[in-house]
C-alpha cells in the first residue's frame, strides 16, 4: 500500500484567529471588514454549489 501523499489527505479548515485591532485606524478596519465580507461571500457560494450538487444527485437517484 502506497503512503498517503500530503496533498491527498483531507484538509482541515484553519481555525479562526481573531485579530488584535490595537493601532488600526478606521480605514484599515474598513478594509479588513471588506476582505472578510468577500471571503464570506466566497464561502456562501461554495456552500450553495455543494447544496445544488447534492440536490441534483438526490433527484437523480430518486427517479429510479
C-alpha atoms as a PDB file:
ATOM      1  CA  UNK A   1       0.000   0.000   0.000  1.00  0.00           C
ATOM      2  CA  UNK A   2       1.452   3.349  -1.042  1.00  0.00           C
ATOM      3  CA  UNK A   3       1.798   6.043   1.612  1.00  0.00           C
ATOM      4  CA  UNK A   4      -0.757   8.841   1.505  1.00  0.00           C
ATOM      5  CA  UNK A   5       0.749  11.940  -0.029  1.00  0.00           C
ATOM      6  CA  UNK A   6       0.319  15.164   1.924  1.00  0.00           C
ATOM      7  CA  UNK A   7      -1.812  16.768  -0.811  1.00  0.00           C
ATOM      8  CA  UNK A   8      -4.110  13.690  -0.913  1.00  0.00           C
ATOM      9  CA  UNK A   9      -5.069  13.991   2.737  1.00  0.00           C
ATOM     10  CA  UNK A  10      -8.282  15.829   3.613  1.00  0.00           C
ATOM     11  CA  UNK A  11      -7.544  19.374   4.720  1.00  0.00           C
ATOM     12  CA  UNK A  12      -8.991  20.724   7.908  1.00  0.00           C
ATOM     13  CA  UNK A  13     -10.277  24.257   7.851  1.00  0.00           C
ATOM     14  CA  UNK A  14      -7.877  26.602   9.596  1.00  0.00           C
ATOM     15  CA  UNK A  15      -9.141  27.749  12.939  1.00  0.00           C
ATOM     16  CA  UNK A  16     -10.132  31.397  13.025  1.00  0.00           C
ATOM     17  CA  UNK A  17      -7.696  33.575  14.911  1.00  0.00           C
ATOM     18  CA  UNK A  18      -9.204  36.910  15.990  1.00  0.00           C
ATOM     19  CA  UNK A  19      -7.136  39.933  15.043  1.00  0.00           C
ATOM     20  CA  UNK A  20      -5.787  42.417  17.554  1.00  0.00           C
ATOM     21  CA  UNK A  21      -7.084  45.802  16.436  1.00  0.00           C
ATOM     22  CA  UNK A  22      -4.857  47.938  18.656  1.00  0.00           C
ATOM     23  CA  UNK A  23      -3.197  50.525  16.462  1.00  0.00           C
ATOM     24  CA  UNK A  24      -5.513  50.021  13.451  1.00  0.00           C
ATOM     25  CA  UNK A  25      -7.108  53.152  12.067  1.00  0.00           C
ATOM     26  CA  UNK A  26     -10.670  53.314  10.740  1.00  0.00           C
ATOM     27  CA  UNK A  27      -9.586  52.891   7.105  1.00  0.00           C
ATOM     28  CA  UNK A  28      -7.657  49.719   7.963  1.00  0.00           C
ATOM     29  CA  UNK A  29     -10.637  48.358   9.879  1.00  0.00           C
ATOM     30  CA  UNK A  30     -12.988  49.066   6.964  1.00  0.00           C
ATOM     31  CA  UNK A  31     -10.566  47.386   4.540  1.00  0.00           C
ATOM     32  CA  UNK A  32     -10.392  44.351   6.835  1.00  0.00           C
ATOM     33  CA  UNK A  33     -14.204  44.166   7.023  1.00  0.00           C
ATOM     34  CA  UNK A  34     -14.421  44.358   3.224  1.00  0.00           C
ATOM     35  CA  UNK A  35     -11.934  41.492   2.860  1.00  0.00           C
ATOM     36  CA  UNK A  36     -13.886  39.407   5.372  1.00  0.00           C
ATOM     37  CA  UNK A  37     -17.182  40.093   3.583  1.00  0.00           C
ATOM     38  CA  UNK A  38     -15.611  38.992   0.297  1.00  0.00           C
ATOM     39  CA  UNK A  39     -14.395  35.781   1.902  1.00  0.00           C
ATOM     40  CA  UNK A  40     -17.818  35.150   3.471  1.00  0.00           C
ATOM     41  CA  UNK A  41     -19.414  35.547   0.031  1.00  0.00           C
ATOM     42  CA  UNK A  42     -16.980  33.016  -1.424  1.00  0.00           C
ATOM     43  CA  UNK A  43     -17.767  30.534   1.346  1.00  0.00           C
ATOM     44  CA  UNK A  44     -21.519  31.019   0.880  1.00  0.00           C
ATOM     45  CA  UNK A  45     -21.153  30.443  -2.882  1.00  0.00           C
ATOM     46  CA  UNK A  46     -19.239  27.217  -2.203  1.00  0.00           C
ATOM     47  CA  UNK A  47     -21.996  26.070   0.160  1.00  0.00           C
ATOM     48  CA  UNK A  48     -24.629  26.882  -2.472  1.00  0.00           C
ATOM     49  CA  UNK A  49     -22.745  24.898  -5.121  1.00  0.00           C
ATOM     50  CA  UNK A  50     -22.461  21.882  -2.829  1.00  0.00           C
ATOM     51  CA  UNK A  51     -26.140  22.099  -1.885  1.00  0.00           C
ATOM     52  CA  UNK A  52     -27.129  22.248  -5.575  1.00  0.00           C
ATOM     53  CA  UNK A  53     -24.909  19.294  -6.398  1.00  0.00           C
ATOM     54  CA  UNK A  54     -26.385  17.245  -3.546  1.00  0.00           C
ATOM     55  CA  UNK A  55     -29.939  18.150  -4.568  1.00  0.00           C
ATOM     56  CA  UNK A  56     -29.232  17.120  -8.176  1.00  0.00           C
ATOM     57  CA  UNK A  57     -27.790  13.790  -7.045  1.00  0.00           C
ATOM     58  CA  UNK A  58     -30.750  13.156  -4.749  1.00  0.00           C
ATOM     59  CA  UNK A  59     -33.192  13.965  -7.569  1.00  0.00           C
ATOM     60  CA  UNK A  60     -31.337  11.656  -9.962  1.00  0.00           C
ATOM     61  CA  UNK A  61     -31.366   8.694  -7.606  1.00  0.00           C
ATOM     62  CA  UNK A  62     -34.987   9.272  -6.537  1.00  0.00           C
ATOM     63  CA  UNK A  63     -36.260   8.934 -10.118  1.00  0.00           C
ATOM     64  CA  UNK A  64     -35.315   5.211 -10.195  1.00  0.00           C
END
